[in-house]
C-alpha atoms as a PDB file:
ATOM      1  CA  MET A   1     -62.217  40.479 -76.580  1.00  0.00           C
ATOM      2  CA  THR A   2     -61.405  37.479 -73.832  1.00  0.00           C
ATOM      3  CA  ARG A   3     -65.096  37.111 -74.386  1.00  0.00           C
ATOM      4  CA  ARG A   4     -64.580  36.212 -78.009  1.00  0.00           C
ATOM      5  CA  LEU A   5     -61.955  34.170 -77.637  1.00  0.00           C
ATOM      6  CA  TRP A   6     -65.131  32.176 -75.252  1.00  0.00           C
ATOM      7  CA  TYR A   7     -67.075  31.433 -78.737  1.00  0.00           C
ATOM      8  CA  VAL A   8     -64.442  30.310 -80.607  1.00  0.00           C
ATOM      9  CA  SER A   9     -62.233  27.816 -78.024  1.00  0.00           C
ATOM     10  CA  LEU A  10     -66.281  26.114 -76.957  1.00  0.00           C
ATOM     11  CA  GLY A  11     -66.992  25.994 -80.502  1.00  0.00           C
ATOM     12  CA  CYS A  12     -63.570  24.158 -81.508  1.00  0.00           C
ATOM     13  CA  ALA A  13     -64.625  22.772 -78.671  1.00  0.00           C
ATOM     14  CA  THR A  14     -67.279  21.274 -79.974  1.00  0.00           C
ATOM     15  CA  CYS A  15     -66.809  21.234 -83.408  1.00  0.00           C
ATOM     16  CA  ALA A  16     -63.871  18.999 -82.310  1.00  0.00           C
ATOM     17  CA  LEU A  17     -65.783  16.460 -80.702  1.00  0.00           C
ATOM     18  CA  VAL A  18     -68.418  15.893 -82.928  1.00  0.00           C
ATOM     19  CA  ALA A  19     -66.350  15.803 -85.998  1.00  0.00           C
ATOM     20  CA  GLY A  20     -64.271  12.911 -84.160  1.00  0.00           C
ATOM     21  CA  TYR A  21     -67.120  10.839 -82.814  1.00  0.00           C
ATOM     22  CA  ALA A  22     -69.216  11.359 -86.409  1.00  0.00           C
ATOM     23  CA  ILE A  23     -65.558   9.981 -87.774  1.00  0.00           C
ATOM     24  CA  GLY A  24     -66.043   7.159 -85.739  1.00  0.00           C
ATOM     25  CA  ASP A  25     -69.901   6.701 -87.551  1.00  0.00           C
ATOM     26  CA  LEU A  26     -70.693   7.708 -83.128  1.00  0.00           C
ATOM     27  CA  TRP A  27     -73.444   9.782 -83.659  1.00  0.00           C
ATOM     28  CA  ILE A  28     -75.294   8.921 -79.723  1.00  0.00           C
ATOM     29  CA  TRP A  29     -72.646  10.628 -78.939  1.00  0.00           C
ATOM     30  CA  THR A  30     -72.703  13.996 -80.630  1.00  0.00           C
ATOM     31  CA  LEU A  31     -75.949  14.453 -78.262  1.00  0.00           C
ATOM     32  CA  PRO A  32     -74.753  15.187 -75.216  1.00  0.00           C
ATOM     33  CA  ILE A  33     -71.762  17.165 -77.092  1.00  0.00           C
ATOM     34  CA  LEU A  34     -74.355  19.860 -78.958  1.00  0.00           C
ATOM     35  CA  GLY A  35     -76.754  19.670 -76.063  1.00  0.00           C
ATOM     36  CA  LEU A  36     -73.967  21.142 -72.957  1.00  0.00           C
ATOM     37  CA  ALA A  37     -72.181  23.730 -76.523  1.00  0.00           C
ATOM     38  CA  VAL A  38     -76.321  24.681 -76.885  1.00  0.00           C
ATOM     39  CA  LEU A  39     -76.543  25.172 -72.749  1.00  0.00           C
ATOM     40  CA  ARG A  40     -73.669  27.333 -72.529  1.00  0.00           C
ATOM     41  CA  LEU A  41     -74.780  29.453 -74.941  1.00  0.00           C
ATOM     42  CA  LEU A  42     -77.691  30.235 -73.203  1.00  0.00           C
ATOM     43  CA  GLY A  43     -76.000  32.025 -70.570  1.00  0.00           C
ATOM     44  CA  GLN A  44     -77.128  28.485 -68.104  1.00  0.00           C
ATOM     45  CA  PRO A  45     -75.767  28.425 -64.625  1.00  0.00           C
ATOM     46  CA  LYS A  46     -72.109  29.198 -63.549  1.00  0.00           C
ATOM     47  CA  TRP A  47     -72.150  25.865 -62.499  1.00  0.00           C
ATOM     48  CA  VAL A  48     -73.032  24.275 -66.785  1.00  0.00           C
ATOM     49  CA  THR A  49     -68.982  25.873 -67.186  1.00  0.00           C
ATOM     50  CA  SER A  50     -67.601  22.733 -65.369  1.00  0.00           C
ATOM     51  CA  LEU A  51     -69.490  19.821 -65.705  1.00  0.00           C
ATOM     52  CA  GLU A  52     -68.680  20.646 -69.397  1.00  0.00           C
ATOM     53  CA  LEU A  53     -64.493  21.309 -69.005  1.00  0.00           C
ATOM     54  CA  LEU A  54     -65.463  17.181 -67.466  1.00  0.00           C
ATOM     55  CA  LEU A  55     -68.380  16.150 -70.267  1.00  0.00           C
ATOM     56  CA  PHE A  56     -66.212  16.785 -72.839  1.00  0.00           C
ATOM     57  CA  VAL A  57     -63.102  16.009 -71.329  1.00  0.00           C
ATOM     58  CA  GLY A  58     -64.256  13.190 -70.811  1.00  0.00           C
ATOM     59  CA  LEU A  59     -65.155  11.857 -73.310  1.00  0.00           C
ATOM     60  CA  ALA A  60     -62.102  13.087 -75.570  1.00  0.00           C
ATOM     61  CA  ALA A  61     -60.685  10.728 -73.459  1.00  0.00           C
ATOM     62  CA  ILE A  62     -63.471   7.188 -74.684  1.00  0.00           C
ATOM     63  CA  GLY A  63     -62.953   9.430 -78.134  1.00  0.00           C
ATOM     64  CA  LEU A  64     -59.533   7.972 -78.061  1.00  0.00           C
ATOM     65  CA  TRP A  65     -60.317   4.843 -76.250  1.00  0.00           C
ATOM     66  CA  GLN A  66     -62.293   3.978 -79.646  1.00  0.00           C
ATOM     67  CA  GLY A  67     -58.916   4.623 -81.723  1.00  0.00           C
ATOM     68  CA  LEU A  68     -61.348   7.626 -82.782  1.00  0.00           C
ATOM     69  CA  PRO A  69     -59.384  10.899 -84.654  1.00  0.00           C
ATOM     70  CA  PHE A  70     -56.608  11.544 -81.866  1.00  0.00           C
ATOM     71  CA  GLY A  71     -55.828  15.928 -83.316  1.00  0.00           C
ATOM     72  CA  LEU A  72     -59.338  16.368 -82.983  1.00  0.00           C
ATOM     73  CA  MET A  73     -59.065  14.836 -79.701  1.00  0.00           C
ATOM     74  CA  LEU A  74     -57.025  16.330 -78.474  1.00  0.00           C
ATOM     75  CA  LEU A  75     -58.371  19.666 -79.644  1.00  0.00           C
ATOM     76  CA  GLY A  76     -61.854  19.120 -79.256  1.00  0.00           C
ATOM     77  CA  MET A  77     -60.602  18.990 -75.177  1.00  0.00           C
ATOM     78  CA  ILE A  78     -57.712  21.882 -75.091  1.00  0.00           C
ATOM     79  CA  ALA A  79     -60.124  24.002 -76.376  1.00  0.00           C
ATOM     80  CA  ALA A  80     -62.572  22.685 -73.975  1.00  0.00           C
ATOM     81  CA  LEU A  81     -60.537  23.338 -71.414  1.00  0.00           C
ATOM     82  CA  ILE A  82     -59.804  26.972 -72.760  1.00  0.00           C
ATOM     83  CA  ALA A  83     -63.109  28.012 -72.327  1.00  0.00           C
ATOM     84  CA  TRP A  84     -63.005  27.107 -69.366  1.00  0.00           C
ATOM     85  CA  ASP A  85     -59.976  28.388 -68.334  1.00  0.00           C
ATOM     86  CA  ILE A  86     -61.664  31.614 -69.620  1.00  0.00           C
ATOM     87  CA  GLU A  87     -65.146  32.203 -68.186  1.00  0.00           C
ATOM     88  CA  SER A  88     -63.906  31.831 -64.619  1.00  0.00           C
ATOM     89  CA  PHE A  89     -60.839  34.967 -65.554  1.00  0.00           C
ATOM     90  CA  HIS A  90     -63.802  36.520 -66.609  1.00  0.00           C
ATOM     91  CA  GLN A  91     -66.388  35.901 -63.806  1.00  0.00           C
ATOM     92  CA  ARG A  92     -63.347  37.194 -61.755  1.00  0.00           C
ATOM     93  CA  MET A  93     -63.213  40.124 -63.995  1.00  0.00           C
ATOM     94  CA  GLU A  94     -67.025  40.761 -63.862  1.00  0.00           C
ATOM     95  CA  VAL A  95     -66.865  40.688 -59.862  1.00  0.00           C
ATOM     96  CA  ALA A  96     -64.316  42.760 -59.892  1.00  0.00           C
ATOM     97  CA  GLU A  97     -65.453  46.392 -58.869  1.00  0.00           C
ATOM     98  CA  ARG A  98     -62.438  48.030 -61.207  1.00  0.00           C
ATOM     99  CA  VAL A  99     -60.168  46.740 -62.756  1.00  0.00           C
ATOM    100  CA  ASP A 100     -57.095  49.030 -63.855  1.00  0.00           C
ATOM    101  CA  TYR A 101     -55.293  48.976 -67.577  1.00  0.00           C
ATOM    102  CA  ARG A 102     -57.565  45.760 -67.944  1.00  0.00           C
ATOM    103  CA  GLU A 103     -56.523  45.080 -71.584  1.00  0.00           C
ATOM    104  CA  ALA A 104     -52.834  45.199 -70.325  1.00  0.00           C
ATOM    105  CA  LEU A 105     -54.492  42.326 -67.619  1.00  0.00           C
ATOM    106  CA  GLU A 106     -56.653  40.483 -70.062  1.00  0.00           C
ATOM    107  CA  ARG A 107     -53.343  40.537 -72.776  1.00  0.00           C
ATOM    108  CA  LYS A 108     -50.686  38.193 -70.520  1.00  0.00           C
ATOM    109  CA  TYR A 109     -53.697  36.771 -69.267  1.00  0.00           C
ATOM    110  CA  LEU A 110     -54.331  35.268 -72.650  1.00  0.00           C
ATOM    111  CA  GLN A 111     -49.884  35.343 -73.029  1.00  0.00           C
ATOM    112  CA  ARG A 112     -49.850  32.712 -70.730  1.00  0.00           C
ATOM    113  CA  LEU A 113     -52.698  30.676 -71.458  1.00  0.00           C
ATOM    114  CA  LEU A 114     -51.316  30.145 -74.732  1.00  0.00           C
ATOM    115  CA  ILE A 115     -48.033  29.233 -73.290  1.00  0.00           C
ATOM    116  CA  ILE A 116     -49.085  26.547 -71.138  1.00  0.00           C
ATOM    117  CA  GLU A 117     -51.709  25.557 -73.491  1.00  0.00           C
ATOM    118  CA  GLY A 118     -49.438  25.529 -76.243  1.00  0.00           C
ATOM    119  CA  SER A 119     -46.904  23.482 -74.266  1.00  0.00           C
ATOM    120  CA  GLY A 120     -49.649  20.455 -72.996  1.00  0.00           C
ATOM    121  CA  ALA A 121     -50.170  20.650 -76.604  1.00  0.00           C
ATOM    122  CA  LEU A 122     -46.577  20.259 -78.308  1.00  0.00           C
ATOM    123  CA  LEU A 123     -45.685  17.295 -74.885  1.00  0.00           C
ATOM    124  CA  ALA A 124     -49.154  15.394 -76.048  1.00  0.00           C
ATOM    125  CA  VAL A 125     -48.038  15.275 -79.332  1.00  0.00           C
ATOM    126  CA  ALA A 126     -44.144  14.672 -78.271  1.00  0.00           C
ATOM    127  CA  ALA A 127     -46.079  11.479 -76.103  1.00  0.00           C
ATOM    128  CA  VAL A 128     -47.733  10.053 -78.372  1.00  0.00           C
ATOM    129  CA  SER A 129     -44.482  10.328 -81.577  1.00  0.00           C
ATOM    130  CA  LEU A 130     -42.791   8.946 -79.902  1.00  0.00           C
ATOM    131  CA  THR A 131     -41.356   5.624 -77.989  1.00  0.00           C
ATOM    132  CA  VAL A 132     -38.900   5.612 -76.292  1.00  0.00           C
ATOM    133  CA  THR A 133     -37.380   3.003 -73.618  1.00  0.00           C
ATOM    134  CA  PHE A 134     -35.850   3.052 -70.850  1.00  0.00           C
ATOM    135  CA  SER A 135     -34.428   1.118 -68.023  1.00  0.00           C
ATOM    136  CA  PHE A 136     -36.012   2.179 -64.343  1.00  0.00           C
ATOM    137  CA  GLY A 137     -32.912   3.685 -62.833  1.00  0.00           C
ATOM    138  CA  SER A 138     -33.053   5.622 -65.640  1.00  0.00           C
ATOM    139  CA  ALA A 139     -36.970   6.768 -66.105  1.00  0.00           C
ATOM    140  CA  LEU A 140     -36.664   6.984 -61.624  1.00  0.00           C
ATOM    141  CA  LEU A 141     -33.874   9.578 -62.764  1.00  0.00           C
ATOM    142  CA  LEU A 142     -36.282  10.999 -65.291  1.00  0.00           C
ATOM    143  CA  GLY A 143     -39.253  11.135 -62.860  1.00  0.00           C
ATOM    144  CA  LEU A 144     -37.227  13.648 -60.455  1.00  0.00           C
ATOM    145  CA  LEU A 145     -35.456  15.492 -63.025  1.00  0.00           C
ATOM    146  CA  ALA A 146     -39.133  16.427 -64.433  1.00  0.00           C
ATOM    147  CA  VAL A 147     -40.191  17.362 -60.782  1.00  0.00           C
ATOM    148  CA  ILE A 148     -37.856  19.013 -59.906  1.00  0.00           C
ATOM    149  CA  GLY A 149     -38.570  20.956 -63.380  1.00  0.00           C
ATOM    150  CA  LEU A 150     -41.888  22.230 -62.232  1.00  0.00           C
ATOM    151  CA  SER A 151     -41.704  23.386 -59.037  1.00  0.00           C
ATOM    152  CA  ARG A 152     -39.181  25.602 -60.544  1.00  0.00           C
ATOM    153  CA  THR A 153     -41.166  26.775 -63.036  1.00  0.00           C
ATOM    154  CA  ILE A 154     -43.842  27.296 -60.994  1.00  0.00           C
ATOM    155  CA  GLY A 155     -41.321  29.178 -58.075  1.00  0.00           C
ATOM    156  CA  PHE A 156     -40.571  31.051 -60.492  1.00  0.00           C
ATOM    157  CA  LEU A 157     -44.342  31.564 -61.846  1.00  0.00           C
ATOM    158  CA  ARG A 158     -45.487  32.748 -58.983  1.00  0.00           C
ATOM    159  CA  ARG A 159     -42.564  34.899 -57.931  1.00  0.00           C
ATOM    160  CA  GLU A 160     -43.418  36.759 -61.340  1.00  0.00           C
ATOM    161  CA  SER A 161     -46.761  37.220 -61.053  1.00  0.00           C
ATOM    162  CA  ASP A 162     -46.528  38.551 -57.021  1.00  0.00           C
END
C-alpha cells in the first residue's frame, strides 16, 4: 500500500513542479526535476531520496521566488516530502525481520502523515492568504503561545506512540 502511494506522491511532485516551471517558461529547470524522478524510479541508491527532497523543496522555493503558481509549488513540495517520508518508512519496514500487524501499522502511519501534511498545507495557504498586522508585543505573545502549543502537541504525540 505504501509503495503505491510512493509512486503517486513522486508523480504528483514531479508533475506539479514541471507544470509550474512550464507555465513560467522556465523549461531548463524541468530537466533536474525529471532526471531525479527517473533516477528514483530506476531504483538508484537510497541517498538519492534525500537529494530528491532537497532539490524538489529548493526548486519549489525558487519557483515561488520567480513568481510561479503558489498552488503548484506547494503541491510539489508537499508531495516530495510525502515521497521522502514514505520511502524512509518503507526502508525501515524492509530492515525489520518480522513485522506484526503490518497493515494496521501502515494504516496508522498513513493517518498520521495525512494529518501532518494536511495541516501543513492549510497553514501554508492561510499564511499566504491572510494579511494580519500585529504590534511587537502581541507578535511576541503569539510566538510564545505557538512554541508552547507545539511542545505540548509533540509531547502528546510521543505519549500516544508509546
